[in-house]
Amino acid sequence: GAAGAIGLAQFVNSSKGDPNALMVMGAVMLGGI
């Protein structure tokens, strides 16, 4: 949803300081932002 912004929000808010967390992103996310 929302060009990845929903996943980004969850990632930013729930993964703080987690050294094993990764998120896929790309040009589409920039456009959505």
Full PDB file with SEQRES, HELIX, SHEET, SSBOND, CRYST1, ORIGX, SCALE, CONECT and MASTER records, all heavy atoms in Angstrom:
SEQRES   1 A   33  GLY ALA ALA GLY ALA ILE GLY LEU ALA GLN PHE VAL ASN          
SEQRES   2 A   33  SER SER LYS GLY ASP PRO ASN ALA LEU MET VAL MET GLY          
SEQRES   3 A   33  ALA VAL MET LEU GLY GLY ILE                                  
HELIX    1 AA1 ALA A    2  GLY A    4  5                                   3    
HELIX    2 AA2 ALA A    5  SER A   14  1                                  10    
HELIX    3 AA3 ALA A   27  GLY A   32  1                                   6    
CRYST1    1.000    1.000    1.000  90.00  90.00  90.00 P 1           1          
ORIGX1      1.000000  0.000000  0.000000        0.00000                         
ORIGX2      0.000000  1.000000  0.000000        0.00000                         
ORIGX3      0.000000  0.000000  1.000000        0.00000                         
SCALE1      1.000000  0.000000  0.000000        0.00000                         
SCALE2      0.000000  1.000000  0.000000        0.00000                         
SCALE3      0.000000  0.000000  1.000000        0.00000                         
ATOM      1  N   GLY A   1       0.792  -1.219   0.000  1.00  0.00           N  
ATOM      2  CA  GLY A   1       0.000   0.000   0.000  1.00  0.00           C  
ATOM      3  C   GLY A   1       0.821   1.264   0.000  1.00  0.00           C  
ATOM      4  O   GLY A   1       1.937   1.309   0.531  1.00  0.00           O  
ATOM      5  N   ALA A   2       0.266   2.305  -0.663  1.00  0.00           N  
ATOM      6  CA  ALA A   2       0.853   3.656  -0.670  1.00  0.00           C  
ATOM      7  C   ALA A   2       2.291   3.668  -1.159  1.00  0.00           C  
ATOM      8  O   ALA A   2       3.149   4.352  -0.600  1.00  0.00           O  
ATOM      9  CB  ALA A   2       0.748   4.277   0.719  1.00  0.00           C  
ATOM     10  N   ALA A   3       2.561   2.906  -2.234  1.00  0.00           N  
ATOM     11  CA  ALA A   3       3.897   2.855  -2.848  1.00  0.00           C  
ATOM     12  C   ALA A   3       4.979   2.476  -1.839  1.00  0.00           C  
ATOM     13  O   ALA A   3       6.112   2.946  -1.904  1.00  0.00           O  
ATOM     14  CB  ALA A   3       4.238   4.188  -3.512  1.00  0.00           C  
ATOM     15  N   GLY A   4       4.612   1.619  -0.891  1.00  0.00           N  
ATOM     16  CA  GLY A   4       5.586   1.139   0.089  1.00  0.00           C  
ATOM     17  C   GLY A   4       5.603   1.923   1.384  1.00  0.00           C  
ATOM     18  O   GLY A   4       6.272   1.533   2.338  1.00  0.00           O  
ATOM     19  N   ALA A   5       4.850   3.040   1.455  1.00  0.00           N  
ATOM     20  CA  ALA A   5       4.897   3.898   2.642  1.00  0.00           C  
ATOM     21  C   ALA A   5       4.328   3.208   3.879  1.00  0.00           C  
ATOM     22  O   ALA A   5       4.794   3.450   4.997  1.00  0.00           O  
ATOM     23  CB  ALA A   5       4.151   5.201   2.380  1.00  0.00           C  
ATOM     24  N   ILE A   6       3.347   2.329   3.700  1.00  0.00           N  
ATOM     25  CA  ILE A   6       2.764   1.616   4.848  1.00  0.00           C  
ATOM     26  C   ILE A   6       3.791   0.650   5.438  1.00  0.00           C  
ATOM     27  O   ILE A   6       3.990   0.584   6.655  1.00  0.00           O  
ATOM     28  CB  ILE A   6       1.475   0.876   4.434  1.00  0.00           C  
ATOM     29  CG1 ILE A   6       0.385   1.899   4.070  1.00  0.00           C  
ATOM     30  CG2 ILE A   6       0.985  -0.048   5.549  1.00  0.00           C  
ATOM     31  CD1 ILE A   6      -0.880   1.296   3.496  1.00  0.00           C  
ATOM     32  N   GLY A   7       4.470  -0.095   4.554  1.00  0.00           N  
ATOM     33  CA  GLY A   7       5.527  -0.993   5.016  1.00  0.00           C  
ATOM     34  C   GLY A   7       6.691  -0.236   5.623  1.00  0.00           C  
ATOM     35  O   GLY A   7       7.258  -0.652   6.635  1.00  0.00           O  
ATOM     36  N   LEU A   8       7.048   0.902   5.008  1.00  0.00           N  
ATOM     37  CA  LEU A   8       8.138   1.732   5.525  1.00  0.00           C  
ATOM     38  C   LEU A   8       7.813   2.220   6.932  1.00  0.00           C  
ATOM     39  O   LEU A   8       8.673   2.176   7.822  1.00  0.00           O  
ATOM     40  CB  LEU A   8       8.377   2.928   4.591  1.00  0.00           C  
ATOM     41  CG  LEU A   8       9.354   4.004   5.087  1.00  0.00           C  
ATOM     42  CD1 LEU A   8      10.755   3.433   5.264  1.00  0.00           C  
ATOM     43  CD2 LEU A   8       9.386   5.189   4.114  1.00  0.00           C  
ATOM     44  N   ALA A   9       6.567   2.666   7.147  1.00  0.00           N  
ATOM     45  CA  ALA A   9       6.165   3.155   8.475  1.00  0.00           C  
ATOM     46  C   ALA A   9       6.282   2.055   9.521  1.00  0.00           C  
ATOM     47  O   ALA A   9       6.807   2.279  10.625  1.00  0.00           O  
ATOM     48  CB  ALA A   9       4.733   3.682   8.426  1.00  0.00           C  
ATOM     49  N   GLN A  10       5.825   0.860   9.176  1.00  0.00           N  
ATOM     50  CA  GLN A  10       5.928  -0.259  10.125  1.00  0.00           C  
ATOM     51  C   GLN A  10       7.388  -0.587  10.406  1.00  0.00           C  
ATOM     52  O   GLN A  10       7.778  -0.835  11.550  1.00  0.00           O  
ATOM     53  CB  GLN A  10       5.208  -1.490   9.584  1.00  0.00           C  
ATOM     54  CG  GLN A  10       5.303  -2.697  10.529  1.00  0.00           C  
ATOM     55  CD  GLN A  10       4.469  -3.871  10.065  1.00  0.00           C  
ATOM     56  OE1 GLN A  10       3.287  -3.733   9.760  1.00  0.00           O  
ATOM     57  NE2 GLN A  10       5.081  -5.050  10.005  1.00  0.00           N  
ATOM     58  N   PHE A  11       8.199  -0.584   9.360  1.00  0.00           N  
ATOM     59  CA  PHE A  11       9.619  -0.910   9.486  1.00  0.00           C  
ATOM     60  C   PHE A  11      10.326   0.094  10.390  1.00  0.00           C  
ATOM     61  O   PHE A  11      11.059  -0.277  11.320  1.00  0.00           O  
ATOM     62  CB  PHE A  11      10.257  -0.928   8.101  1.00  0.00           C  
ATOM     63  CG  PHE A  11      11.697  -1.359   8.070  1.00  0.00           C  
ATOM     64  CD1 PHE A  11      12.038  -2.695   8.243  1.00  0.00           C  
ATOM     65  CD2 PHE A  11      12.719  -0.438   7.861  1.00  0.00           C  
ATOM     66  CE1 PHE A  11      13.367  -3.116   8.212  1.00  0.00           C  
ATOM     67  CE2 PHE A  11      14.048  -0.843   7.824  1.00  0.00           C  
ATOM     68  CZ  PHE A  11      14.374  -2.179   8.003  1.00  0.00           C  
ATOM     69  N   VAL A  12      10.090   1.379  10.139  1.00  0.00           N  
ATOM     70  CA  VAL A  12      10.736   2.434  10.919  1.00  0.00           C  
ATOM     71  C   VAL A  12      10.307   2.390  12.382  1.00  0.00           C  
ATOM     72  O   VAL A  12      11.131   2.540  13.296  1.00  0.00           O  
ATOM     73  CB  VAL A  12      10.419   3.822  10.299  1.00  0.00           C  
ATOM     74  CG1 VAL A  12      10.753   4.954  11.262  1.00  0.00           C  
ATOM     75  CG2 VAL A  12      11.189   4.004   8.988  1.00  0.00           C  
ATOM     76  N   ASN A  13       9.013   2.151  12.599  1.00  0.00           N  
ATOM     77  CA  ASN A  13       8.484   2.205  13.967  1.00  0.00           C  
ATOM     78  C   ASN A  13       8.726   0.944  14.797  1.00  0.00           C  
ATOM     79  O   ASN A  13       8.795   1.018  16.028  1.00  0.00           O  
ATOM     80  CB  ASN A  13       6.981   2.507  13.931  1.00  0.00           C  
ATOM     81  CG  ASN A  13       6.701   3.905  13.403  1.00  0.00           C  
ATOM     82  OD1 ASN A  13       7.456   4.830  13.647  1.00  0.00           O  
ATOM     83  ND2 ASN A  13       5.614   4.056  12.656  1.00  0.00           N  
ATOM     84  N   SER A  14       8.863  -0.212  14.133  1.00  0.00           N  
ATOM     85  CA  SER A  14       8.967  -1.457  14.911  1.00  0.00           C  
ATOM     86  C   SER A  14      10.347  -2.114  14.869  1.00  0.00           C  
ATOM     87  O   SER A  14      10.573  -3.094  15.573  1.00  0.00           O  
ATOM     88  CB  SER A  14       7.922  -2.468  14.419  1.00  0.00           C  
ATOM     89  OG  SER A  14       8.212  -2.870  13.088  1.00  0.00           O  
ATOM     90  N   SER A  15      11.253  -1.584  14.064  1.00  0.00           N  
ATOM     91  CA  SER A  15      12.557  -2.259  13.909  1.00  0.00           C  
ATOM     92  C   SER A  15      13.731  -1.464  14.455  1.00  0.00           C  
ATOM     93  O   SER A  15      14.887  -1.805  14.190  1.00  0.00           O  
ATOM     94  CB  SER A  15      12.812  -2.558  12.424  1.00  0.00           C  
ATOM     95  OG  SER A  15      11.814  -3.396  11.905  1.00  0.00           O  
ATOM     96  N   LYS A  16      13.471  -0.401  15.175  1.00  0.00           N  
ATOM     97  CA  LYS A  16      14.554   0.455  15.666  1.00  0.00           C  
ATOM     98  C   LYS A  16      15.652  -0.355  16.349  1.00  0.00           C  
ATOM     99  O   LYS A  16      15.382  -1.130  17.263  1.00  0.00           O  
ATOM    100  CB  LYS A  16      14.011   1.490  16.652  1.00  0.00           C  
ATOM    101  CG  LYS A  16      13.215   2.613  16.014  1.00  0.00           C  
ATOM    102  CD  LYS A  16      12.880   3.698  17.035  1.00  0.00           C  
ATOM    103  CE  LYS A  16      12.117   4.837  16.395  1.00  0.00           C  
ATOM    104  NZ  LYS A  16      10.704   4.547  16.166  1.00  0.00           N  
ATOM    105  N   GLY A  17      16.876  -0.158  15.884  1.00  0.00           N  
ATOM    106  CA  GLY A  17      18.025  -0.802  16.510  1.00  0.00           C  
ATOM    107  C   GLY A  17      18.169  -2.288  16.235  1.00  0.00           C  
ATOM    108  O   GLY A  17      19.080  -2.928  16.772  1.00  0.00           O  
ATOM    109  N   ASP A  18      17.300  -2.857  15.378  1.00  0.00           N  
ATOM    110  CA  ASP A  18      17.369  -4.295  15.088  1.00  0.00           C  
ATOM    111  C   ASP A  18      18.420  -4.555  14.014  1.00  0.00           C  
ATOM    112  O   ASP A  18      18.239  -4.177  12.857  1.00  0.00           O  
ATOM    113  CB  ASP A  18      15.998  -4.785  14.608  1.00  0.00           C  
ATOM    114  CG  ASP A  18      15.940  -6.305  14.455  1.00  0.00           C  
ATOM    115  OD1 ASP A  18      17.011  -6.943  14.364  1.00  0.00           O  
ATOM    116  OD2 ASP A  18      14.818  -6.849  14.407  1.00  0.00           O  
ATOM    117  N   PRO A  19      19.543  -5.217  14.346  1.00  0.00           N  
ATOM    118  CA  PRO A  19      20.626  -5.430  13.380  1.00  0.00           C  
ATOM    119  C   PRO A  19      20.345  -6.531  12.358  1.00  0.00           C  
ATOM    120  O   PRO A  19      21.163  -6.782  11.486  1.00  0.00           O  
ATOM    121  CB  PRO A  19      21.809  -5.798  14.274  1.00  0.00           C  
ATOM    122  CG  PRO A  19      21.180  -6.504  15.429  1.00  0.00           C  
ATOM    123  CD  PRO A  19      19.870  -5.798  15.661  1.00  0.00           C  
ATOM    124  N   ASN A  20      19.185  -7.197  12.483  1.00  0.00           N  
ATOM    125  CA  ASN A  20      18.862  -8.288  11.562  1.00  0.00           C  
ATOM    126  C   ASN A  20      17.677  -7.959  10.642  1.00  0.00           C  
ATOM    127  O   ASN A  20      17.186  -8.831   9.934  1.00  0.00           O  
ATOM    128  CB  ASN A  20      18.535  -9.562  12.344  1.00  0.00           C  
ATOM    129  CG  ASN A  20      19.720 -10.028  13.172  1.00  0.00           C  
ATOM    130  OD1 ASN A  20      20.848 -10.007  12.704  1.00  0.00           O  
ATOM    131  ND2 ASN A  20      19.469 -10.419  14.408  1.00  0.00           N  
ATOM    132  N   ALA A  21      17.225  -6.707  10.663  1.00  0.00           N  
ATOM    133  CA  ALA A  21      16.062  -6.312   9.863  1.00  0.00           C  
ATOM    134  C   ALA A  21      16.495  -5.661   8.552  1.00  0.00           C  
ATOM    135  O   ALA A  21      17.391  -4.824   8.528  1.00  0.00           O  
ATOM    136  CB  ALA A  21      15.191  -5.347  10.660  1.00  0.00           C  
ATOM    137  N   LEU A  22      15.846  -6.072   7.467  1.00  0.00           N  
ATOM    138  CA  LEU A  22      16.089  -5.479   6.151  1.00  0.00           C  
ATOM    139  C   LEU A  22      14.748  -5.134   5.510  1.00  0.00           C  
ATOM    140  O   LEU A  22      13.740  -5.791   5.787  1.00  0.00           O  
ATOM    141  CB  LEU A  22      16.843  -6.450   5.238  1.00  0.00           C  
ATOM    142  CG  LEU A  22      18.324  -6.696   5.507  1.00  0.00           C  
ATOM    143  CD1 LEU A  22      18.843  -7.817   4.604  1.00  0.00           C  
ATOM    144  CD2 LEU A  22      19.145  -5.428   5.294  1.00  0.00           C  
ATOM    145  N   MET A  23      14.745  -4.132   4.650  1.00  0.00           N  
ATOM    146  CA  MET A  23      13.540  -3.768   3.909  1.00  0.00           C  
ATOM    147  C   MET A  23      13.897  -3.537   2.445  1.00  0.00           C  
ATOM    148  O   MET A  23      14.845  -2.816   2.134  1.00  0.00           O  
ATOM    149  CB  MET A  23      12.925  -2.481   4.474  1.00  0.00           C  
ATOM    150  CG  MET A  23      11.697  -2.005   3.700  1.00  0.00           C  
ATOM    151  SD  MET A  23      11.137  -0.351   4.203  1.00  0.00           S  
ATOM    152  CE  MET A  23      12.460   0.682   3.529  1.00  0.00           C  
ATOM    153  N   VAL A  24      13.124  -4.148   1.560  1.00  0.00           N  
ATOM    154  CA  VAL A  24      13.303  -3.920   0.127  1.00  0.00           C  
ATOM    155  C   VAL A  24      12.657  -2.578  -0.232  1.00  0.00           C  
ATOM    156  O   VAL A  24      11.592  -2.233   0.297  1.00  0.00           O  
ATOM    157  CB  VAL A  24      12.661  -5.061  -0.691  1.00  0.00           C  
ATOM    158  CG1 VAL A  24      12.795  -4.804  -2.188  1.00  0.00           C  
ATOM    159  CG2 VAL A  24      13.294  -6.392  -0.334  1.00  0.00           C  
ATOM    160  N   MET A  25      13.293  -1.816  -1.107  1.00  0.00           N  
ATOM    161  CA  MET A  25      12.753  -0.521  -1.522  1.00  0.00           C  
ATOM    162  C   MET A  25      13.264  -0.230  -2.929  1.00  0.00           C  
ATOM    163  O   MET A  25      13.905  -1.056  -3.553  1.00  0.00           O  
ATOM    164  CB  MET A  25      13.149   0.577  -0.533  1.00  0.00           C  
ATOM    165  CG  MET A  25      14.624   0.649  -0.170  1.00  0.00           C  
ATOM    166  SD  MET A  25      15.752   1.217  -1.475  1.00  0.00           S  
ATOM    167  CE  MET A  25      15.249   2.950  -1.578  1.00  0.00           C  
ATOM    168  N   GLY A  26      12.941   0.951  -3.438  1.00  0.00           N  
ATOM    169  CA  GLY A  26      13.437   1.305  -4.754  1.00  0.00           C  
ATOM    170  C   GLY A  26      12.840   2.597  -5.271  1.00  0.00           C  
ATOM    171  O   GLY A  26      12.243   3.375  -4.513  1.00  0.00           O  
ATOM    172  N   ALA A  27      12.982   2.826  -6.570  1.00  0.00           N  
ATOM    173  CA  ALA A  27      12.526   4.066  -7.195  1.00  0.00           C  
ATOM    174  C   ALA A  27      11.050   4.329  -6.937  1.00  0.00           C  
ATOM    175  O   ALA A  27      10.631   5.470  -6.752  1.00  0.00           O  
ATOM    176  CB  ALA A  27      12.799   4.010  -8.703  1.00  0.00           C  
ATOM    177  N   VAL A  28      10.248   3.270  -6.914  1.00  0.00           N  
ATOM    178  CA  VAL A  28       8.800   3.416  -6.696  1.00  0.00           C  
ATOM    179  C   VAL A  28       8.511   4.060  -5.349  1.00  0.00           C  
ATOM    180  O   VAL A  28       7.604   4.896  -5.224  1.00  0.00           O  
ATOM    181  CB  VAL A  28       8.100   2.045  -6.800  1.00  0.00           C  
ATOM    182  CG1 VAL A  28       6.645   2.143  -6.382  1.00  0.00           C  
ATOM    183  CG2 VAL A  28       8.194   1.507  -8.223  1.00  0.00           C  
ATOM    184  N   MET A  29       9.280   3.688  -4.317  1.00  0.00           N  
ATOM    185  CA  MET A  29       9.053   4.258  -2.989  1.00  0.00           C  
ATOM    186  C   MET A  29       9.349   5.758  -2.990  1.00  0.00           C  
ATOM    187  O   MET A  29       8.621   6.542  -2.357  1.00  0.00           O  
ATOM    188  CB  MET A  29       9.915   3.535  -1.945  1.00  0.00           C  
ATOM    189  CG  MET A  29       9.616   3.981  -0.519  1.00  0.00           C  
ATOM    190  SD  MET A  29      10.504   2.991   0.717  1.00  0.00           S  
ATOM    191  CE  MET A  29       9.488   1.506   0.767  1.00  0.00           C  
ATOM    192  N   LEU A  30      10.373   6.175  -3.716  1.00  0.00           N  
ATOM    193  CA  LEU A  30      10.684   7.603  -3.799  1.00  0.00           C  
ATOM    194  C   LEU A  30       9.520   8.351  -4.435  1.00  0.00           C  
ATOM    195  O   LEU A  30       9.105   9.405  -3.958  1.00  0.00           O  
ATOM    196  CB  LEU A  30      11.964   7.840  -4.617  1.00  0.00           C  
ATOM    197  CG  LEU A  30      13.251   7.121  -4.195  1.00  0.00           C  
ATOM    198  CD1 LEU A  30      14.441   7.711  -4.935  1.00  0.00           C  
ATOM    199  CD2 LEU A  30      13.475   7.194  -2.704  1.00  0.00           C  
ATOM    200  N   GLY A  31       8.991   7.790  -5.529  1.00  0.00           N  
ATOM    201  CA  GLY A  31       7.857   8.408  -6.206  1.00  0.00           C  
ATOM    202  C   GLY A  31       6.644   8.506  -5.308  1.00  0.00           C  
ATOM    203  O   GLY A  31       5.932   9.516  -5.303  1.00  0.00           O  
ATOM    204  N   GLY A  32       6.405   7.458  -4.516  1.00  0.00           N  
ATOM    205  CA  GLY A  32       5.267   7.442  -3.604  1.00  0.00           C  
ATOM    206  C   GLY A  32       5.404   8.474  -2.497  1.00  0.00           C  
ATOM    207  O   GLY A  32       4.424   9.102  -2.086  1.00  0.00           O  
ATOM    208  N   ILE A  33       6.633   8.655  -2.018  1.00  0.00           N  
ATOM    209  CA  ILE A  33       6.874   9.653  -0.971  1.00  0.00           C  
ATOM    210  C   ILE A  33       6.643  11.062  -1.527  1.00  0.00           C  
ATOM    211  O   ILE A  33       6.064  11.925  -0.863  1.00  0.00           O  
ATOM    212  CB  ILE A  33       8.312   9.510  -0.404  1.00  0.00           C  
ATOM    213  CG1 ILE A  33       8.411   8.225   0.431  1.00  0.00           C  
ATOM    214  CG2 ILE A  33       8.706  10.719   0.432  1.00  0.00           C  
ATOM    215  CD1 ILE A  33       9.822   7.841   0.834  1.00  0.00           C  
TER     216      ILE A  33                                                      
MASTER        0    0    0    3    0    0    0    6  215    1    0    3          
END                                                                             
